[in-house]
Amino acid sequence: EIKENSLPTGSVEGTTDFNEVGYGGPAPPDKEHTYVFKLYALDEKLNLQKGSTKKQLEDAMYGHILSETKLEGKYAP
């Protein structure tokens, strides 16, 4: 169980596209919108610091991705 406003031991939050550290929640437009979550299986734990960027995450994952998939969710007002 992961309690609200907590992180599992050993995890860190990165910088979002809102330019803030941590989860900011969805901000859908006023029309239908699809959210895409990319999921990865890695062969090792990454050593990233709090506030790492998407580029830093992608660079750290390079060469360590065993499998990947997408989870899509559609929002419609």
N, C-alpha and C. Protein backbone atom coordinates (compact mmCIF):
# COMPACT_ATOMS: atom_id res chain seq x y z
N GLU A 1 0.84 -1.18 0.00
CA GLU A 1 0.00 0.00 0.00
C GLU A 1 0.89 1.24 0.00
N ILE A 2 0.54 2.19 -0.83
CA ILE A 2 1.23 3.48 -0.85
C ILE A 2 0.26 4.52 -0.30
N LYS A 3 0.63 5.12 0.79
CA LYS A 3 -0.23 6.12 1.41
C LYS A 3 -0.15 7.45 0.66
N GLU A 4 -1.23 8.22 0.73
CA GLU A 4 -1.29 9.52 0.07
C GLU A 4 -0.14 10.41 0.52
N ASN A 5 0.44 11.14 -0.42
CA ASN A 5 1.56 12.06 -0.17
C ASN A 5 2.80 11.37 0.37
N SER A 6 3.00 10.10 0.02
CA SER A 6 4.19 9.38 0.43
C SER A 6 4.79 8.67 -0.79
N LEU A 7 6.03 8.27 -0.66
CA LEU A 7 6.71 7.54 -1.73
C LEU A 7 7.22 6.21 -1.17
N PRO A 8 7.25 5.17 -2.00
CA PRO A 8 7.85 3.92 -1.56
C PRO A 8 9.34 4.14 -1.25
N THR A 9 9.88 3.40 -0.32
CA THR A 9 11.28 3.51 0.06
C THR A 9 12.17 3.37 -1.17
N GLY A 10 13.12 4.28 -1.32
CA GLY A 10 14.07 4.23 -2.43
C GLY A 10 13.61 4.92 -3.70
N SER A 11 12.40 5.46 -3.70
CA SER A 11 11.91 6.14 -4.90
C SER A 11 12.13 7.64 -4.81
N VAL A 12 12.15 8.30 -5.96
CA VAL A 12 12.28 9.75 -6.02
C VAL A 12 11.29 10.29 -7.05
N GLU A 13 10.95 11.55 -6.93
CA GLU A 13 10.08 12.20 -7.91
C GLU A 13 10.91 13.12 -8.79
N GLY A 14 10.56 13.14 -10.06
CA GLY A 14 11.26 13.97 -11.01
C GLY A 14 10.52 15.26 -11.28
N THR A 15 11.10 16.06 -12.17
CA THR A 15 10.50 17.32 -12.59
C THR A 15 9.48 17.05 -13.68
N THR A 16 8.28 17.58 -13.53
CA THR A 16 7.19 17.35 -14.48
C THR A 16 7.18 18.39 -15.58
N ASP A 17 6.24 18.23 -16.51
CA ASP A 17 6.11 19.24 -17.57
C ASP A 17 5.49 20.53 -17.05
N PHE A 18 5.07 20.53 -15.77
CA PHE A 18 4.64 21.77 -15.11
C PHE A 18 5.86 22.49 -14.51
N ASN A 19 7.06 21.91 -14.72
CA ASN A 19 8.32 22.41 -14.17
C ASN A 19 8.31 22.43 -12.64
N GLU A 20 7.68 21.41 -12.06
CA GLU A 20 7.64 21.25 -10.61
C GLU A 20 8.02 19.81 -10.28
N VAL A 21 8.55 19.61 -9.08
CA VAL A 21 8.89 18.26 -8.63
C VAL A 21 7.65 17.63 -8.02
N GLY A 22 7.33 16.41 -8.45
CA GLY A 22 6.21 15.68 -7.89
C GLY A 22 5.00 15.67 -8.80
N TYR A 23 4.04 14.85 -8.43
CA TYR A 23 2.84 14.66 -9.23
C TYR A 23 1.95 15.89 -9.14
N GLY A 24 1.53 16.41 -10.30
CA GLY A 24 0.68 17.60 -10.32
C GLY A 24 -0.75 17.32 -10.71
N GLY A 25 -1.05 16.08 -11.03
CA GLY A 25 -2.41 15.74 -11.42
C GLY A 25 -2.67 16.09 -12.87
N PRO A 26 -3.74 15.55 -13.42
CA PRO A 26 -4.07 15.83 -14.81
C PRO A 26 -4.61 17.24 -15.00
N ALA A 27 -4.43 17.76 -16.19
CA ALA A 27 -4.96 19.08 -16.54
C ALA A 27 -5.51 18.99 -17.96
N PRO A 28 -6.62 18.26 -18.13
CA PRO A 28 -7.13 18.04 -19.49
C PRO A 28 -7.71 19.30 -20.11
N PRO A 29 -7.69 19.35 -21.43
CA PRO A 29 -8.34 20.47 -22.13
C PRO A 29 -9.86 20.28 -22.05
N ASP A 30 -10.60 21.19 -22.64
CA ASP A 30 -12.06 21.14 -22.61
C ASP A 30 -12.65 20.21 -23.67
N LYS A 31 -11.82 19.37 -24.26
CA LYS A 31 -12.29 18.43 -25.27
C LYS A 31 -11.69 17.06 -24.97
N GLU A 32 -12.09 16.06 -25.74
CA GLU A 32 -11.57 14.71 -25.53
C GLU A 32 -10.04 14.72 -25.59
N HIS A 33 -9.43 13.96 -24.69
CA HIS A 33 -7.97 13.95 -24.59
C HIS A 33 -7.52 12.56 -24.16
N THR A 34 -6.43 12.08 -24.72
CA THR A 34 -5.89 10.78 -24.35
C THR A 34 -4.60 10.96 -23.56
N TYR A 35 -4.56 10.36 -22.37
CA TYR A 35 -3.35 10.34 -21.56
C TYR A 35 -2.59 9.07 -21.90
N VAL A 36 -1.27 9.18 -22.08
CA VAL A 36 -0.44 8.03 -22.41
C VAL A 36 0.61 7.87 -21.31
N PHE A 37 0.60 6.71 -20.67
CA PHE A 37 1.58 6.37 -19.64
C PHE A 37 2.53 5.35 -20.25
N LYS A 38 3.82 5.63 -20.22
CA LYS A 38 4.83 4.69 -20.71
C LYS A 38 5.35 3.90 -19.52
N LEU A 39 5.34 2.58 -19.65
CA LEU A 39 5.76 1.68 -18.59
C LEU A 39 6.98 0.90 -19.04
N TYR A 40 7.98 0.78 -18.16
CA TYR A 40 9.24 0.13 -18.53
C TYR A 40 9.61 -0.93 -17.49
N ALA A 41 10.16 -2.04 -17.97
CA ALA A 41 10.82 -3.03 -17.12
C ALA A 41 12.31 -2.84 -17.34
N LEU A 42 13.05 -2.61 -16.27
CA LEU A 42 14.48 -2.34 -16.36
C LEU A 42 15.28 -3.47 -15.72
N ASP A 43 16.53 -3.60 -16.11
CA ASP A 43 17.37 -4.65 -15.55
C ASP A 43 18.16 -4.20 -14.32
N GLU A 44 18.00 -2.95 -13.91
CA GLU A 44 18.65 -2.47 -12.70
C GLU A 44 17.92 -1.25 -12.15
N LYS A 45 18.14 -0.98 -10.87
CA LYS A 45 17.57 0.20 -10.24
C LYS A 45 18.37 1.42 -10.70
N LEU A 46 17.68 2.48 -11.04
CA LEU A 46 18.35 3.70 -11.50
C LEU A 46 18.77 4.55 -10.32
N ASN A 47 19.88 5.25 -10.49
CA ASN A 47 20.38 6.14 -9.44
C ASN A 47 20.11 7.58 -9.86
N LEU A 48 18.89 8.04 -9.62
CA LEU A 48 18.49 9.39 -9.98
C LEU A 48 18.21 10.20 -8.73
N GLN A 49 18.40 11.49 -8.82
CA GLN A 49 18.15 12.38 -7.70
C GLN A 49 16.77 13.02 -7.82
N LYS A 50 16.24 13.47 -6.71
CA LYS A 50 14.97 14.19 -6.71
C LYS A 50 15.08 15.38 -7.68
N GLY A 51 14.05 15.54 -8.50
CA GLY A 51 14.04 16.64 -9.45
C GLY A 51 14.67 16.33 -10.79
N SER A 52 15.10 15.09 -10.99
CA SER A 52 15.70 14.72 -12.29
C SER A 52 14.72 15.02 -13.42
N THR A 53 15.27 15.35 -14.57
CA THR A 53 14.45 15.69 -15.73
C THR A 53 14.09 14.44 -16.53
N LYS A 54 13.16 14.58 -17.46
CA LYS A 54 12.80 13.48 -18.35
C LYS A 54 14.02 13.02 -19.13
N LYS A 55 14.83 13.95 -19.61
CA LYS A 55 16.05 13.61 -20.37
C LYS A 55 17.01 12.80 -19.51
N GLN A 56 17.19 13.20 -18.25
CA GLN A 56 18.07 12.47 -17.35
C GLN A 56 17.54 11.05 -17.11
N LEU A 57 16.23 10.92 -16.98
CA LEU A 57 15.61 9.60 -16.81
C LEU A 57 15.85 8.74 -18.05
N GLU A 58 15.57 9.30 -19.22
CA GLU A 58 15.76 8.54 -20.47
C GLU A 58 17.22 8.14 -20.66
N ASP A 59 18.15 9.04 -20.35
CA ASP A 59 19.58 8.72 -20.46
C ASP A 59 19.96 7.59 -19.51
N ALA A 60 19.44 7.63 -18.28
CA ALA A 60 19.75 6.60 -17.29
C ALA A 60 19.16 5.24 -17.68
N MET A 61 18.00 5.25 -18.34
CA MET A 61 17.36 4.00 -18.76
C MET A 61 18.01 3.38 -19.98
N TYR A 62 18.72 4.18 -20.77
CA TYR A 62 19.30 3.71 -22.03
C TYR A 62 20.16 2.46 -21.79
N GLY A 63 19.88 1.41 -22.53
CA GLY A 63 20.63 0.17 -22.41
C GLY A 63 20.15 -0.75 -21.31
N HIS A 64 19.14 -0.33 -20.55
CA HIS A 64 18.64 -1.12 -19.42
C HIS A 64 17.17 -1.51 -19.56
N ILE A 65 16.55 -1.20 -20.69
CA ILE A 65 15.13 -1.49 -20.89
C ILE A 65 14.97 -2.93 -21.37
N LEU A 66 14.30 -3.75 -20.54
CA LEU A 66 14.02 -5.14 -20.90
C LEU A 66 12.75 -5.24 -21.73
N SER A 67 11.76 -4.42 -21.37
CA SER A 67 10.48 -4.42 -22.06
C SER A 67 9.80 -3.09 -21.80
N GLU A 68 8.90 -2.70 -22.71
CA GLU A 68 8.14 -1.48 -22.51
C GLU A 68 6.77 -1.61 -23.13
N THR A 69 5.83 -0.83 -22.61
CA THR A 69 4.47 -0.82 -23.14
C THR A 69 3.85 0.53 -22.83
N LYS A 70 2.65 0.74 -23.33
CA LYS A 70 1.92 1.98 -23.07
C LYS A 70 0.57 1.65 -22.46
N LEU A 71 0.13 2.50 -21.57
CA LEU A 71 -1.21 2.43 -21.01
C LEU A 71 -1.88 3.74 -21.38
N GLU A 72 -3.01 3.65 -22.08
CA GLU A 72 -3.70 4.86 -22.53
C GLU A 72 -5.05 4.98 -21.84
N GLY A 73 -5.36 6.19 -21.43
CA GLY A 73 -6.66 6.48 -20.82
C GLY A 73 -7.27 7.69 -21.49
N LYS A 74 -8.53 7.61 -21.80
CA LYS A 74 -9.20 8.69 -22.52
C LYS A 74 -10.04 9.52 -21.55
N TYR A 75 -9.92 10.84 -21.65
CA TYR A 75 -10.74 11.77 -20.89
C TYR A 75 -11.72 12.42 -21.86
N ALA A 76 -12.97 12.48 -21.47
CA ALA A 76 -13.98 13.17 -22.28
C ALA A 76 -14.90 13.93 -21.34
N PRO A 77 -15.00 15.26 -21.49
CA PRO A 77 -15.85 16.05 -20.59
C PRO A 77 -17.33 15.73 -20.76
